[in-house]
């Protein structure tokens, strides 16, 4: 396609942007049409009374789109916009450095679209047939378009445009990872607290049972001592009666013997109960040792939890420093891109001046 003709086309507005075209096969993927940000300009063709969007990359025009009333420029993000050109059978996409540049381009597109509509209405009033001012390319232009070299397809510009998004995704992943560490520590702490409460409850029950066992032991010991004293007193009475009578008293001796056997049987039962209580006391001592061991484990886990919290704080500090470094890198990259755009604009102006000198 032909670049803008200096004698009949006048520049209206120009902005620098990364140029993309839709993939003709999939219609879903953007293909970069320029290695770097290039000038995208609006031109007015006075001879045909049409408006065109022109962008030249290297030695060929990468955008040559005639604005029609049916076109519409759509902003798909804060710095990216697109429009469809049915004559070129493609969709153009522009990635700007700032949101303000995108807004200015969209407003200019809307104004020239309205101007194209007014121009078409005037031409329809004057002529009944199609006017060449509609912007239909000449056969020679179509031929050159068919034989023009393919568009350059590189991944560099696309990576530069969306590098900030990938960095934000990495920061988000790092933040989620840092958030996950304290959550794991909190879960561990909750489990330990639950275990501590269970151990404390068991310990309280064991202490209560131990106190009851000690009280029962003291009570049985007191009763046993009373039984032993009673037995000794009865034996002394039996011995005294035998001494006084010179012979054993059958009835009294038998009653005393039965009483003595009952007391001995009760003494045996109480002795067994004492042994049982002693075993329970030893079991309570073992439970006390287990409680102490659990308390020691709890202290160790609390130390580990403190270490985890320290690591989380260090990770948060690292994340904060990486964010600051990322912002600094973005600022430096923005400065470099601005300087590069200015240099490219100067080179473009120098090229145009040299072309004018060569034409003269």
Protein backbone atom coordinates (compact mmCIF):
# COMPACT_ATOMS: atom_id res chain seq x y z
CA UNK A 1 0.00 0.00 0.00
CA UNK A 2 1.08 3.56 -0.63
CA UNK A 3 2.49 5.70 2.18
CA UNK A 4 1.02 9.19 2.68
CA UNK A 5 1.58 11.55 -0.22
CA UNK A 6 3.10 14.80 0.99
CA UNK A 7 1.49 16.98 -1.64
CA UNK A 8 -2.13 15.95 -1.11
CA UNK A 9 -2.26 14.54 2.47
CA UNK A 10 -1.91 16.59 5.60
CA UNK A 11 -0.92 15.14 9.02
CA UNK A 12 -3.52 15.72 11.76
CA UNK A 13 -2.38 13.79 14.82
CA UNK A 14 0.50 11.41 15.63
CA UNK A 15 1.30 9.07 18.54
CA UNK A 16 3.85 6.35 19.19
CA UNK A 17 2.63 2.82 19.87
CA UNK A 18 3.43 -0.86 19.40
CA UNK A 19 1.50 -2.17 16.39
CA UNK A 20 -0.15 -5.62 16.29
CA UNK A 21 -2.35 -7.45 13.81
CA UNK A 22 -4.75 -10.32 14.49
CA UNK A 23 -3.60 -13.78 13.45
CA UNK A 24 -5.47 -14.52 10.18
CA UNK A 25 -5.58 -18.25 10.97
CA UNK A 26 -6.82 -18.37 14.55
CA UNK A 27 -8.36 -14.86 14.83
CA UNK A 28 -7.46 -15.04 18.52
CA UNK A 29 -3.75 -14.29 18.78
CA UNK A 30 -1.99 -10.97 18.25
CA UNK A 31 1.02 -10.88 15.93
CA UNK A 32 3.52 -8.01 16.39
CA UNK A 33 3.86 -5.89 13.25
CA UNK A 34 6.73 -3.74 14.56
CA UNK A 35 9.84 -4.49 16.56
CA UNK A 36 9.58 -1.24 18.49
CA UNK A 37 7.12 1.56 19.12
CA UNK A 38 6.46 3.42 15.85
CA UNK A 39 4.62 6.58 14.89
CA UNK A 40 0.92 6.03 14.12
CA UNK A 41 -0.54 9.10 12.39
CA UNK A 42 -3.88 10.40 11.09
CA UNK A 43 -3.77 11.97 7.61
CA UNK A 44 -6.35 13.90 5.59
CA UNK A 45 -6.45 13.37 1.82
CA UNK A 46 -7.91 16.59 0.45
CA UNK A 47 -8.17 15.32 -3.13
CA UNK A 48 -10.39 12.37 -2.14
CA UNK A 49 -11.78 13.91 1.04
CA UNK A 50 -10.91 10.87 3.19
CA UNK A 51 -9.06 10.27 6.43
CA UNK A 52 -6.44 7.55 6.82
CA UNK A 53 -4.37 5.98 9.62
CA UNK A 54 -0.79 5.48 8.45
CA UNK A 55 2.19 3.85 10.16
CA UNK A 56 5.47 3.11 8.43
CA UNK A 57 7.91 0.54 9.77
CA UNK A 58 11.22 0.40 7.95
CA UNK A 59 10.53 0.59 4.23
CA UNK A 60 6.87 -0.42 4.17
CA UNK A 61 3.56 0.71 5.56
CA UNK A 62 2.40 -1.58 8.37
CA UNK A 63 -0.90 0.34 8.76
CA UNK A 64 -2.81 1.92 5.86
CA UNK A 65 -6.40 2.05 7.02
CA UNK A 66 -9.08 4.36 5.59
CA UNK A 67 -11.48 5.56 8.27
CA UNK A 68 -15.14 4.85 7.48
CA UNK A 69 -18.30 5.67 9.46
CA UNK A 70 -18.79 1.96 10.21
CA UNK A 71 -15.48 1.65 12.08
CA UNK A 72 -15.18 1.83 15.84
CA UNK A 73 -12.10 2.01 18.07
CA UNK A 74 -12.43 -0.17 21.19
CA UNK A 75 -10.28 0.17 24.33
CA UNK A 76 -9.73 -3.36 25.62
CA UNK A 77 -7.44 -2.34 28.51
CA UNK A 78 -5.90 0.75 30.06
CA UNK A 79 -3.16 0.97 27.42
CA UNK A 80 -4.42 -1.13 24.51
CA UNK A 81 -7.03 -0.48 21.83
CA UNK A 82 -8.13 -2.04 18.53
CA UNK A 83 -10.27 -1.52 15.44
CA UNK A 84 -11.36 -3.73 12.53
CA UNK A 85 -10.70 -2.82 8.90
CA UNK A 86 -12.98 -4.81 6.60
CA UNK A 87 -11.15 -3.62 3.48
CA UNK A 88 -7.81 -4.89 4.73
CA UNK A 89 -9.58 -7.96 6.19
CA UNK A 90 -7.71 -7.62 9.48
CA UNK A 91 -7.90 -6.19 12.98
CA UNK A 92 -5.27 -3.70 14.13
CA UNK A 93 -4.14 -3.39 17.76
CA UNK A 94 -2.13 -0.58 19.35
CA UNK A 95 -0.27 -0.75 22.65
CA UNK A 96 0.51 2.69 24.12
CA UNK A 97 2.96 3.64 26.83
CA UNK A 98 0.41 5.63 28.84
CA UNK A 99 -3.35 5.66 29.30
CA UNK A 100 -3.44 9.35 28.31
CA UNK A 101 -2.00 8.57 24.86
CA UNK A 102 -4.64 5.89 24.34
CA UNK A 103 -7.40 8.33 25.34
CA UNK A 104 -6.11 11.01 22.94
CA UNK A 105 -5.92 8.51 20.07
CA UNK A 106 -9.47 7.25 20.77
CA UNK A 107 -10.88 10.80 20.82
CA UNK A 108 -9.11 11.66 17.55
CA UNK A 109 -10.44 8.45 15.97
CA UNK A 110 -13.98 9.32 17.05
CA UNK A 111 -13.73 12.86 15.65
CA UNK A 112 -12.38 11.74 12.28
CA UNK A 113 -14.99 8.99 12.09
CA UNK A 114 -17.69 11.67 12.44
CA UNK A 115 -15.91 13.79 9.82
CA UNK A 116 -15.85 10.79 7.47
CA UNK A 117 -19.58 10.32 8.01
CA UNK A 118 -20.28 13.94 7.13
CA UNK A 119 -18.04 13.68 4.07
CA UNK A 120 -19.91 10.59 2.88
CA UNK A 121 -23.28 12.31 3.30
CA UNK A 122 -22.07 15.27 1.25
CA UNK A 123 -20.71 13.01 -1.47
CA UNK A 124 -23.99 11.07 -1.63
CA UNK A 125 -25.86 14.31 -2.13
CA UNK A 126 -23.61 15.27 -5.05
CA UNK A 127 -23.18 11.93 -6.76
CA UNK A 128 -25.30 8.86 -7.29
CA UNK A 129 -22.44 6.53 -8.09
CA UNK A 130 -19.58 5.55 -5.84
CA UNK A 131 -16.97 8.24 -5.52
CA UNK A 132 -13.27 7.48 -5.49
CA UNK A 133 -13.14 9.47 -2.26
CA UNK A 134 -14.42 6.37 -0.49
CA UNK A 135 -10.80 5.27 -0.30
CA UNK A 136 -10.87 2.15 -2.53
CA UNK A 137 -7.23 1.26 -3.23
CA UNK A 138 -6.02 1.33 -6.81
CA UNK A 139 -5.24 -1.91 -8.62
CA UNK A 140 -1.57 -1.03 -8.53
CA UNK A 141 -1.78 -0.70 -4.74
CA UNK A 142 -3.53 -4.07 -4.45
CA UNK A 143 -0.83 -5.67 -6.57
CA UNK A 144 1.90 -4.21 -4.42
CA UNK A 145 0.06 -5.41 -1.33
CA UNK A 146 -0.07 -8.95 -2.66
CA UNK A 147 3.66 -8.95 -3.42
CA UNK A 148 4.75 -7.10 -0.28
CA UNK A 149 7.05 -9.04 2.05
CA UNK A 150 5.42 -10.69 5.07
CA UNK A 151 5.14 -8.87 8.35
CA UNK A 152 7.93 -9.34 10.87
CA UNK A 153 6.85 -11.60 13.71
CA UNK A 154 9.01 -11.29 16.79
CA UNK A 155 8.24 -11.82 20.40
CA UNK A 156 10.37 -8.98 21.75
CA UNK A 157 7.81 -6.14 21.77
CA UNK A 158 5.08 -8.35 23.14
CA UNK A 159 7.32 -9.40 25.98
CA UNK A 160 8.15 -5.76 26.75
CA UNK A 161 4.50 -4.76 26.73
CA UNK A 162 3.38 -7.48 29.12
CA UNK A 163 6.51 -7.76 31.23
CA UNK A 164 4.92 -5.73 34.00
CA UNK A 165 1.91 -8.11 34.10
CA UNK A 166 4.18 -11.16 34.46
CA UNK A 167 6.08 -9.41 37.26
CA UNK A 168 2.80 -8.66 39.04
CA UNK A 169 1.82 -12.35 38.72
CA UNK A 170 5.18 -13.41 40.25
CA UNK A 171 4.71 -10.95 43.14
CA UNK A 172 1.19 -12.30 43.73
CA UNK A 173 2.51 -15.91 43.84
CA UNK A 174 5.27 -14.89 46.27
CA UNK A 175 2.74 -13.07 48.47
CA UNK A 176 0.43 -16.14 48.57
CA UNK A 177 3.43 -18.30 49.49
CA UNK A 178 4.36 -15.92 52.31
CA UNK A 179 0.74 -15.86 53.52
CA UNK A 180 0.67 -19.66 53.54
CA UNK A 181 3.61 -19.89 56.00
CA UNK A 182 1.89 -18.08 58.89
CA UNK A 183 -1.32 -19.98 58.21
CA UNK A 184 0.54 -23.28 58.59
CA UNK A 185 2.14 -21.98 61.81
CA UNK A 186 -1.28 -20.95 63.10
CA UNK A 187 -2.73 -24.38 62.40
CA UNK A 188 0.18 -26.02 64.18
CA UNK A 189 -0.30 -23.67 67.13
CA UNK A 190 -4.05 -24.45 67.29
CA UNK A 191 -3.35 -28.20 67.26
CA UNK A 192 -0.83 -27.78 70.06
CA UNK A 193 -3.26 -25.69 72.10
CA UNK A 194 -5.92 -28.38 71.69
CA UNK A 195 -3.46 -31.04 72.78
CA UNK A 196 -2.43 -28.88 75.75
CA UNK A 197 -6.05 -28.42 76.83
CA UNK A 198 -6.63 -32.19 76.59
CA UNK A 199 -3.54 -32.90 78.66
CA UNK A 200 -4.52 -30.31 81.24
CA UNK A 201 -8.00 -31.86 81.52
CA UNK A 202 -6.52 -35.35 81.90
CA UNK A 203 -4.03 -34.04 84.43
CA UNK A 204 -6.78 -32.42 86.48
CA UNK A 205 -8.75 -35.69 86.48
CA UNK A 206 -5.66 -37.67 87.51
CA UNK A 207 -4.82 -35.25 90.29
CA UNK A 208 -8.37 -35.48 91.59
CA UNK A 209 -8.26 -39.30 91.45
CA UNK A 210 -4.88 -39.24 93.20
CA UNK A 211 -6.22 -37.08 95.99
CA UNK A 212 -9.21 -39.41 96.39
CA UNK A 213 -6.88 -42.44 96.41
CA UNK A 214 -4.66 -40.82 99.04
CA UNK A 215 -7.68 -40.00 101.16
CA UNK A 216 -8.98 -43.57 100.79
CA UNK A 217 -5.58 -44.98 101.70
CA UNK A 218 -5.40 -42.86 104.82
CA UNK A 219 -8.95 -43.88 105.72
CA UNK A 220 -8.22 -47.60 105.18
CA UNK A 221 -5.01 -47.30 107.14
CA UNK A 222 -6.89 -45.75 110.02
CA UNK A 223 -9.56 -48.47 109.91
CA UNK A 224 -6.88 -51.15 109.66
CA UNK A 225 -5.14 -49.73 112.66
CA UNK A 226 -8.41 -49.73 114.54
CA UNK A 227 -9.06 -53.36 113.53
CA UNK A 228 -5.57 -54.36 114.59
CA UNK A 229 -6.00 -52.59 117.90
CA UNK A 230 -9.37 -54.27 118.39
CA UNK A 231 -7.86 -57.64 117.53
CA UNK A 232 -5.04 -57.19 120.00
CA UNK A 233 -7.52 -56.08 122.68
CA UNK A 234 -9.68 -59.13 122.05
CA UNK A 235 -6.65 -61.43 122.16
CA UNK A 236 -5.61 -59.89 125.42
CA UNK A 237 -9.10 -60.42 126.81
CA UNK A 238 -9.11 -64.06 125.63
CA UNK A 239 -5.74 -64.67 127.24
CA UNK A 240 -6.85 -63.00 130.44
CA UNK A 241 -10.05 -65.05 130.59
CA UNK A 242 -8.12 -68.29 129.98
CA UNK A 243 -5.74 -67.38 132.76
CA UNK A 244 -8.53 -66.58 135.18
CA UNK A 245 -10.62 -69.68 134.41
CA UNK A 246 -7.69 -72.05 134.07
CA UNK A 247 -9.43 -73.58 131.10
CA UNK A 248 -10.78 -72.17 127.96
CA UNK A 249 -14.39 -71.00 127.95
CA UNK A 250 -16.01 -72.79 125.07
CA UNK A 251 -18.66 -70.35 124.11
CA UNK A 252 -16.70 -67.13 124.67
CA UNK A 253 -13.58 -68.52 123.01
CA UNK A 254 -15.47 -69.62 119.94
CA UNK A 255 -17.12 -66.21 119.58
CA UNK A 256 -13.79 -64.51 120.01
CA UNK A 257 -12.23 -66.86 117.45
CA UNK A 258 -14.96 -66.11 114.92
CA UNK A 259 -14.59 -62.41 115.57
CA UNK A 260 -10.84 -62.74 115.14
CA UNK A 261 -11.25 -64.63 111.86
CA UNK A 262 -13.70 -62.00 110.56
CA UNK A 263 -11.31 -59.26 111.53
CA UNK A 264 -8.44 -61.05 109.81
CA UNK A 265 -10.57 -61.51 106.70
CA UNK A 266 -11.46 -57.79 106.74
CA UNK A 267 -7.79 -57.01 107.28
CA UNK A 268 -6.87 -59.08 104.23
CA UNK A 269 -9.51 -57.31 102.13
CA UNK A 270 -8.28 -53.90 103.29
CA UNK A 271 -4.72 -54.90 102.57
CA UNK A 272 -5.68 -55.81 99.00
CA UNK A 273 -7.49 -52.50 98.65
CA UNK A 274 -4.36 -50.72 99.89
CA UNK A 275 -2.24 -52.51 97.27
CA UNK A 276 -4.76 -51.55 94.60
CA UNK A 277 -4.65 -47.92 95.67
CA UNK A 278 -0.86 -47.99 95.63
CA UNK A 279 -0.93 -49.30 92.06
CA UNK A 280 -3.32 -46.48 91.10
CA UNK A 281 -0.95 -44.03 92.72
CA UNK A 282 1.97 -45.36 90.64
CA UNK A 283 -0.20 -45.04 87.52
CA UNK A 284 -0.96 -41.44 88.48
CA UNK A 285 2.79 -40.82 88.81
CA UNK A 286 3.34 -42.18 85.32
CA UNK A 287 0.62 -39.92 83.97
CA UNK A 288 2.31 -37.00 85.69
CA UNK A 289 5.55 -37.85 83.90
CA UNK A 290 3.72 -38.05 80.58
CA UNK A 291 2.22 -34.63 81.26
CA UNK A 292 5.68 -33.21 81.92
CA UNK A 293 6.92 -34.77 78.68
CA UNK A 294 3.98 -33.23 76.80
CA UNK A 295 4.77 -29.83 78.33
CA UNK A 296 8.37 -30.18 77.16
CA UNK A 297 7.19 -31.06 73.64
CA UNK A 298 4.87 -28.05 73.73
CA UNK A 299 7.77 -25.77 74.62
CA UNK A 300 9.80 -27.17 71.73
CA UNK A 301 6.90 -26.63 69.32
CA UNK A 302 6.48 -23.07 70.59
CA UNK A 303 10.15 -22.46 69.86
CA UNK A 304 9.66 -23.84 66.36
CA UNK A 305 6.61 -21.59 65.94
CA UNK A 306 8.70 -18.57 66.92
CA UNK A 307 11.31 -19.61 64.36
CA UNK A 308 8.56 -19.87 61.72
CA UNK A 309 7.31 -16.41 62.62
CA UNK A 310 10.86 -15.07 62.28
CA UNK A 311 11.14 -16.68 58.85
CA UNK A 312 7.80 -15.18 57.85
CA UNK A 313 8.98 -11.73 58.89
CA UNK A 314 12.17 -12.20 56.89
CA UNK A 315 10.14 -13.33 53.88
CA UNK A 316 7.89 -10.27 54.20
CA UNK A 317 10.95 -8.02 54.33
CA UNK A 318 12.35 -9.76 51.25
CA UNK A 319 9.02 -9.30 49.47
CA UNK A 320 8.94 -5.62 50.40
CA UNK A 321 12.47 -5.06 49.11
CA UNK A 322 11.63 -6.94 45.89
CA UNK A 323 8.60 -4.71 45.41
CA UNK A 324 10.72 -1.59 45.83
CA UNK A 325 13.29 -2.99 43.42
CA UNK A 326 10.52 -3.86 40.95
CA UNK A 327 9.14 -0.30 41.10
CA UNK A 328 12.64 1.09 40.57
CA UNK A 329 13.20 -1.22 37.59
CA UNK A 330 9.87 -0.15 36.10
CA UNK A 331 10.80 3.52 36.48
CA UNK A 332 14.19 2.94 34.87
CA UNK A 333 12.60 0.94 32.05
CA UNK A 334 10.03 3.71 31.50
CA UNK A 335 12.83 6.29 31.31
CA UNK A 336 14.78 4.14 28.83
CA UNK A 337 11.68 3.62 26.65
CA UNK A 338 10.97 7.37 26.69
CA UNK A 339 14.54 8.19 25.63
CA UNK A 340 14.41 5.46 22.99
CA UNK A 341 11.13 6.77 21.60
CA UNK A 342 12.58 10.28 21.40
CA UNK A 343 15.65 8.96 19.61
CA UNK A 344 13.50 7.00 17.17
CA UNK A 345 11.35 10.06 16.53
CA UNK A 346 14.49 12.11 15.86
CA UNK A 347 15.76 9.42 13.47
CA UNK A 348 12.40 9.36 11.72
CA UNK A 349 12.49 13.13 11.29
CA UNK A 350 16.07 12.93 10.07
CA UNK A 351 15.06 10.23 7.57
CA UNK A 352 12.22 12.37 6.31
CA UNK A 353 14.59 15.35 5.94
CA UNK A 354 17.08 13.20 4.04
CA UNK A 355 14.27 11.90 1.85
CA UNK A 356 13.24 15.45 1.08
CA UNK A 357 16.81 16.37 0.25
CA UNK A 358 17.12 13.29 -1.95
CA UNK A 359 13.83 14.15 -3.69
CA UNK A 360 15.08 17.66 -4.43
